[in-house]
Amino acid sequence: MEYEKYEEIKNLKNAVFYLTNLCNIRCWHCYNDSSSTEKVPSISSLDKIVDIILHNFSFKTISISGGEPLTNQSLLFSIASKFKKNNISLALMTNGLLLSENIMDKICYYFDFIQLSIDYPNDEYAIKYKGVKNYRKSILNTISLLSKYSIDCILTHVPNSGNFKINDYFDDLFFSSIKSLKIQLPYPKGRALENKNLIITKKELQYYQNDLMNISNRYPNLPVSIYFPEDELSDSCSIDYNGNVFTGLFDKNKIGNLLLSFQ
């Protein structure tokens, strides 16, 4: 039967759900090639996908990602509500720039933690590498907001030739509810393939790793982990807003489509 091909992920505890490919910024390394011109998925098709997930899989934790999930907040909270009612722990993967005081109560209610993508808080850098203006003020406001609400956070950072001196600016981005720092080397897909000249060199990577050691010495209770493109989490899968299911987090092996398999 069609659904038998999902047996390998049926009992996984973790999944990433790509709610949208719409994004408010344009990062140089985005493997999803997200942008501000993407179409917003319909709530009806997303509801069907979520219902299929709830009735056929055993996920305990789902990370909602994009694109940027906060580009459509009503859609995000509607989907989060369905997962929450079924006792699934939720994480929000976000660049944080669309977080605001008026939605923080909902964020704290629906999400158990936030995975916040951080970067060098320099406006000139951000225009070149992220396609966004006034980044420093925006990300520091986000840091202040998250610190105020004390929601658990994982910081993620993608090093490149422009931001590898992380020790110079990490203190500006640190706040008390950070639980870990996750380093992700660029995955060779999407815009990362178009911007190979921005990928960190071996010499820069060595400098970067030394900086991480300095950060670990300054913050001894902060776990720091580095993931290379070839790393794959065997306990996770990914599902996108069209219902496509993949064995890995970076669209490595497509298993099938939920909307077609579970009609």
Protein backbone atom coordinates (compact mmCIF):
# COMPACT_ATOMS: atom_id res chain seq x y z
CA MET A 1 0.00 0.00 0.00
CA GLU A 2 1.08 3.61 -0.61
CA TYR A 3 1.60 4.50 3.04
CA GLU A 4 3.95 1.56 3.66
CA LYS A 5 6.89 3.60 2.30
CA TYR A 6 6.59 5.87 5.36
CA GLU A 7 7.44 3.02 7.75
CA GLU A 8 11.04 4.22 8.16
CA ILE A 9 9.88 7.52 9.67
CA LYS A 10 6.61 6.42 11.26
CA ASN A 11 8.08 6.20 14.75
CA LEU A 12 10.50 9.12 14.62
CA LYS A 13 10.15 11.55 17.49
CA ASN A 14 11.31 14.73 15.72
CA ALA A 15 10.33 16.51 12.51
CA VAL A 16 10.80 19.86 10.81
CA PHE A 17 7.67 21.31 9.21
CA TYR A 18 8.34 23.93 6.54
CA LEU A 19 5.28 26.14 6.85
CA THR A 20 6.18 28.46 3.96
CA ASN A 21 8.98 29.48 1.63
CA LEU A 22 8.09 33.16 2.02
CA CYS A 23 10.76 35.16 3.83
CA ASN A 24 11.32 38.78 4.84
CA ILE A 25 15.08 38.63 4.14
CA ARG A 26 17.32 37.04 1.52
CA CYS A 27 20.25 35.25 3.17
CA TRP A 28 23.16 34.33 0.90
CA HIS A 29 23.27 30.72 2.17
CA CYS A 30 19.54 29.83 2.12
CA TYR A 31 19.26 26.24 0.92
CA ASN A 32 15.49 26.68 0.45
CA ASP A 33 16.07 29.72 -1.76
CA SER A 34 13.36 31.54 0.23
CA SER A 35 12.33 35.04 -0.82
CA SER A 36 9.69 37.75 -0.42
CA THR A 37 7.98 36.78 -3.70
CA GLU A 38 6.90 33.27 -2.74
CA LYS A 39 3.21 32.33 -2.67
CA VAL A 40 1.56 31.77 0.69
CA PRO A 41 0.25 28.19 1.02
CA SER A 42 -3.48 27.76 1.58
CA ILE A 43 -4.79 27.03 5.06
CA SER A 44 -6.98 24.21 3.72
CA SER A 45 -4.08 22.21 2.27
CA LEU A 46 -1.96 22.84 5.37
CA ASP A 47 -4.83 21.67 7.59
CA LYS A 48 -4.99 18.45 5.59
CA ILE A 49 -1.25 17.91 5.95
CA VAL A 50 -1.36 18.54 9.70
CA ASP A 51 -4.32 16.13 10.11
CA ILE A 52 -2.39 13.44 8.22
CA ILE A 53 0.65 14.00 10.44
CA LEU A 54 -1.41 13.79 13.63
CA HIS A 55 -3.20 10.60 12.60
CA ASN A 56 -0.31 8.65 11.09
CA PHE A 57 2.93 9.62 12.83
CA SER A 58 4.33 9.68 16.36
CA PHE A 59 6.28 12.93 16.46
CA LYS A 60 6.84 14.32 19.94
CA THR A 61 8.60 17.51 18.82
CA ILE A 62 7.99 19.51 15.64
CA SER A 63 10.08 22.49 14.62
CA ILE A 64 8.13 24.94 12.47
CA SER A 65 10.39 26.56 9.90
CA GLY A 66 10.33 28.31 6.53
CA GLY A 67 11.11 30.63 4.85
CA GLU A 68 10.15 32.75 7.80
CA PRO A 69 7.10 31.36 9.67
CA LEU A 70 6.25 34.79 11.08
CA THR A 71 5.51 36.24 7.64
CA ASN A 72 1.97 34.89 8.11
CA GLN A 73 1.23 34.96 11.82
CA SER A 74 -2.43 33.92 11.65
CA LEU A 75 -1.43 30.86 9.65
CA LEU A 76 1.41 30.06 12.02
CA PHE A 77 -0.72 30.26 15.16
CA SER A 78 -3.55 28.28 13.55
CA ILE A 79 -1.20 25.42 12.71
CA ALA A 80 0.58 25.68 16.07
CA SER A 81 -2.79 25.41 17.84
CA LYS A 82 -3.58 22.08 16.16
CA PHE A 83 -0.21 20.62 17.16
CA LYS A 84 -0.48 22.03 20.67
CA LYS A 85 -3.90 20.44 21.22
CA ASN A 86 -2.31 17.08 20.45
CA ASN A 87 0.44 17.53 23.05
CA ILE A 88 3.25 17.99 20.55
CA SER A 89 6.18 20.07 21.73
CA LEU A 90 6.82 22.94 19.32
CA ALA A 91 9.90 24.92 18.34
CA LEU A 92 9.87 28.05 16.20
CA MET A 93 12.77 28.44 13.76
CA THR A 94 13.02 32.15 12.94
CA ASN A 95 15.32 35.01 12.03
CA GLY A 96 13.52 36.93 14.77
CA LEU A 97 13.08 40.19 12.89
CA LEU A 98 9.27 39.96 12.85
CA LEU A 99 8.91 39.25 16.56
CA SER A 100 7.08 42.01 18.39
CA GLU A 101 5.69 42.73 21.84
CA ASN A 102 2.07 42.18 20.75
CA ILE A 103 2.59 38.53 19.78
CA MET A 104 4.98 37.40 22.53
CA ASP A 105 2.22 36.01 24.75
CA LYS A 106 1.14 33.73 21.89
CA ILE A 107 4.74 32.80 21.14
CA CYS A 108 5.31 31.81 24.76
CA TYR A 109 2.02 29.86 24.86
CA TYR A 110 2.46 27.81 21.71
CA PHE A 111 6.22 27.30 21.54
CA ASP A 112 8.45 25.50 24.01
CA PHE A 113 11.56 27.09 22.60
CA ILE A 114 12.82 29.27 19.77
CA GLN A 115 15.65 28.48 17.41
CA LEU A 116 16.90 31.95 16.56
CA SER A 117 19.15 32.52 13.57
CA ILE A 118 21.72 35.17 14.49
CA ASP A 119 24.35 37.01 12.47
CA TYR A 120 26.91 39.80 12.61
CA PRO A 121 24.93 42.86 13.85
CA ASN A 122 26.41 45.22 11.30
CA ASP A 123 24.19 47.09 8.84
CA GLU A 124 26.67 47.19 5.96
CA TYR A 125 27.29 43.46 6.30
CA ALA A 126 23.56 42.67 6.53
CA ILE A 127 22.74 44.50 3.30
CA LYS A 128 25.32 42.41 1.43
CA TYR A 129 24.78 39.02 3.06
CA LYS A 130 21.13 39.14 4.14
CA GLY A 131 19.50 41.71 1.88
CA VAL A 132 18.08 43.61 4.85
CA LYS A 133 18.49 47.17 6.14
CA ASN A 134 18.77 48.32 9.78
CA TYR A 135 19.66 44.79 10.88
CA ARG A 136 21.66 45.80 13.95
CA LYS A 137 18.81 47.75 15.56
CA SER A 138 16.26 45.07 14.64
CA ILE A 139 18.18 42.05 15.92
CA LEU A 140 19.20 43.80 19.14
CA ASN A 141 15.54 44.72 19.73
CA THR A 142 14.67 41.06 19.20
CA ILE A 143 17.34 39.98 21.68
CA SER A 144 15.95 42.44 24.24
CA LEU A 145 12.41 41.13 23.69
CA LEU A 146 13.38 37.46 24.05
CA SER A 147 15.40 38.26 27.14
CA LYS A 148 12.40 40.05 28.67
CA TYR A 149 10.12 37.04 28.18
CA SER A 150 12.79 34.49 29.17
CA ILE A 151 11.73 31.98 26.53
CA ASP A 152 14.27 29.18 25.99
CA CYS A 153 16.35 29.77 22.87
CA ILE A 154 18.86 27.95 20.72
CA LEU A 155 21.05 30.31 18.73
CA THR A 156 22.04 29.18 15.24
CA HIS A 157 24.85 30.76 13.26
CA VAL A 158 26.06 30.15 9.71
CA PRO A 159 29.67 31.31 9.34
CA ASN A 160 30.96 32.94 6.16
CA SER A 161 33.83 35.11 4.98
CA GLY A 162 32.15 38.22 6.40
CA ASN A 163 31.08 37.11 9.88
CA PHE A 164 33.61 34.46 10.99
CA LYS A 165 35.10 36.70 13.72
CA ILE A 166 32.18 35.81 15.98
CA ASN A 167 34.08 36.51 19.20
CA ASP A 168 34.03 40.22 18.31
CA TYR A 169 30.25 40.50 18.49
CA PHE A 170 28.82 37.46 20.30
CA ASP A 171 28.47 39.31 23.60
CA ASP A 172 26.02 41.71 21.91
CA LEU A 173 23.80 38.76 21.00
CA PHE A 174 23.94 36.79 24.24
CA PHE A 175 21.09 36.74 26.75
CA SER A 176 20.27 34.65 29.79
CA SER A 177 17.69 32.23 28.34
CA ILE A 178 20.01 30.91 25.61
CA LYS A 179 20.40 27.17 26.10
CA SER A 180 22.91 26.39 23.36
CA LEU A 181 24.78 27.71 20.32
CA LYS A 182 24.43 25.66 17.14
CA ILE A 183 26.82 26.25 14.26
CA GLN A 184 25.66 25.13 10.80
CA LEU A 185 28.13 25.16 7.93
CA PRO A 186 26.33 26.09 4.65
CA TYR A 187 24.49 23.26 2.95
CA PRO A 188 25.35 23.24 -0.80
CA LYS A 189 21.88 23.89 -2.14
CA GLY A 190 19.84 26.90 -3.27
CA ARG A 191 21.61 30.25 -2.94
CA ALA A 192 24.63 28.72 -1.23
CA LEU A 193 25.52 27.22 -4.61
CA GLU A 194 25.21 30.62 -6.26
CA ASN A 195 27.46 32.30 -3.67
CA LYS A 196 30.39 29.90 -3.35
CA ASN A 197 32.76 32.88 -3.08
CA LEU A 198 31.20 33.72 0.31
CA ILE A 199 31.72 30.25 1.82
CA ILE A 200 34.16 30.29 4.70
CA THR A 201 37.74 29.23 3.82
CA LYS A 202 39.76 26.66 5.76
CA LYS A 203 41.88 29.42 7.28
CA GLU A 204 38.78 31.41 8.27
CA LEU A 205 37.17 28.27 9.69
CA GLN A 206 40.22 27.69 11.90
CA TYR A 207 39.98 31.29 13.13
CA TYR A 208 36.25 30.79 13.71
CA GLN A 209 36.78 27.60 15.73
CA ASN A 210 39.33 29.41 17.91
CA ASP A 211 36.74 32.13 18.48
CA LEU A 212 34.21 29.48 19.52
CA MET A 213 36.71 28.16 22.07
CA ASN A 214 37.04 31.68 23.49
CA ILE A 215 33.25 31.95 23.70
CA SER A 216 33.06 28.58 25.47
CA ASN A 217 35.64 29.77 27.98
CA ARG A 218 33.61 32.92 28.63
CA TYR A 219 30.30 31.06 28.81
CA PRO A 220 31.23 27.64 30.25
CA ASN A 221 27.60 26.61 30.71
CA LEU A 222 26.71 27.24 27.07
CA PRO A 223 26.89 24.08 24.92
CA VAL A 224 28.35 24.73 21.45
CA SER A 225 27.92 22.27 18.57
CA ILE A 226 29.07 22.40 14.94
CA TYR A 227 27.23 20.69 12.07
CA PHE A 228 28.88 20.18 8.69
CA PRO A 229 26.92 19.77 5.42
CA GLU A 230 27.45 16.01 5.46
CA ASP A 231 25.98 15.67 8.95
CA GLU A 232 22.46 14.30 9.08
CA LEU A 233 20.24 13.70 12.08
CA SER A 234 18.95 10.13 11.93
CA ASP A 235 16.11 10.85 14.35
CA SER A 236 14.45 13.56 12.24
CA CYS A 237 12.63 14.04 8.96
CA SER A 238 11.21 17.07 7.16
CA ILE A 239 7.80 17.85 5.69
CA ASP A 240 7.07 20.86 3.51
CA TYR A 241 3.95 22.97 2.91
CA ASN A 242 3.12 20.93 -0.22
CA GLY A 243 3.07 17.68 1.75
CA ASN A 244 6.41 16.38 0.48
CA VAL A 245 8.28 14.22 3.00
CA PHE A 246 12.06 13.80 3.17
CA THR A 247 14.24 11.53 5.28
CA GLY A 248 16.65 14.34 6.12
CA LEU A 249 16.51 17.97 7.10
CA PHE A 250 17.91 19.23 3.80
CA ASP A 251 15.64 17.53 1.23
CA LYS A 252 18.05 14.63 0.80
CA ASN A 253 15.73 11.74 0.01
CA LYS A 254 12.10 12.25 -0.87
CA ILE A 255 9.82 9.53 0.47
CA GLY A 256 6.54 10.70 -0.97
CA ASN A 257 3.73 13.23 -0.73
CA LEU A 258 1.25 13.06 2.15
CA LEU A 259 -1.63 14.61 0.18
CA LEU A 260 -1.25 11.99 -2.55
CA SER A 261 -0.49 9.01 -0.31
CA PHE A 262 -3.23 9.55 2.26
CA GLN A 263 -6.18 10.64 0.14
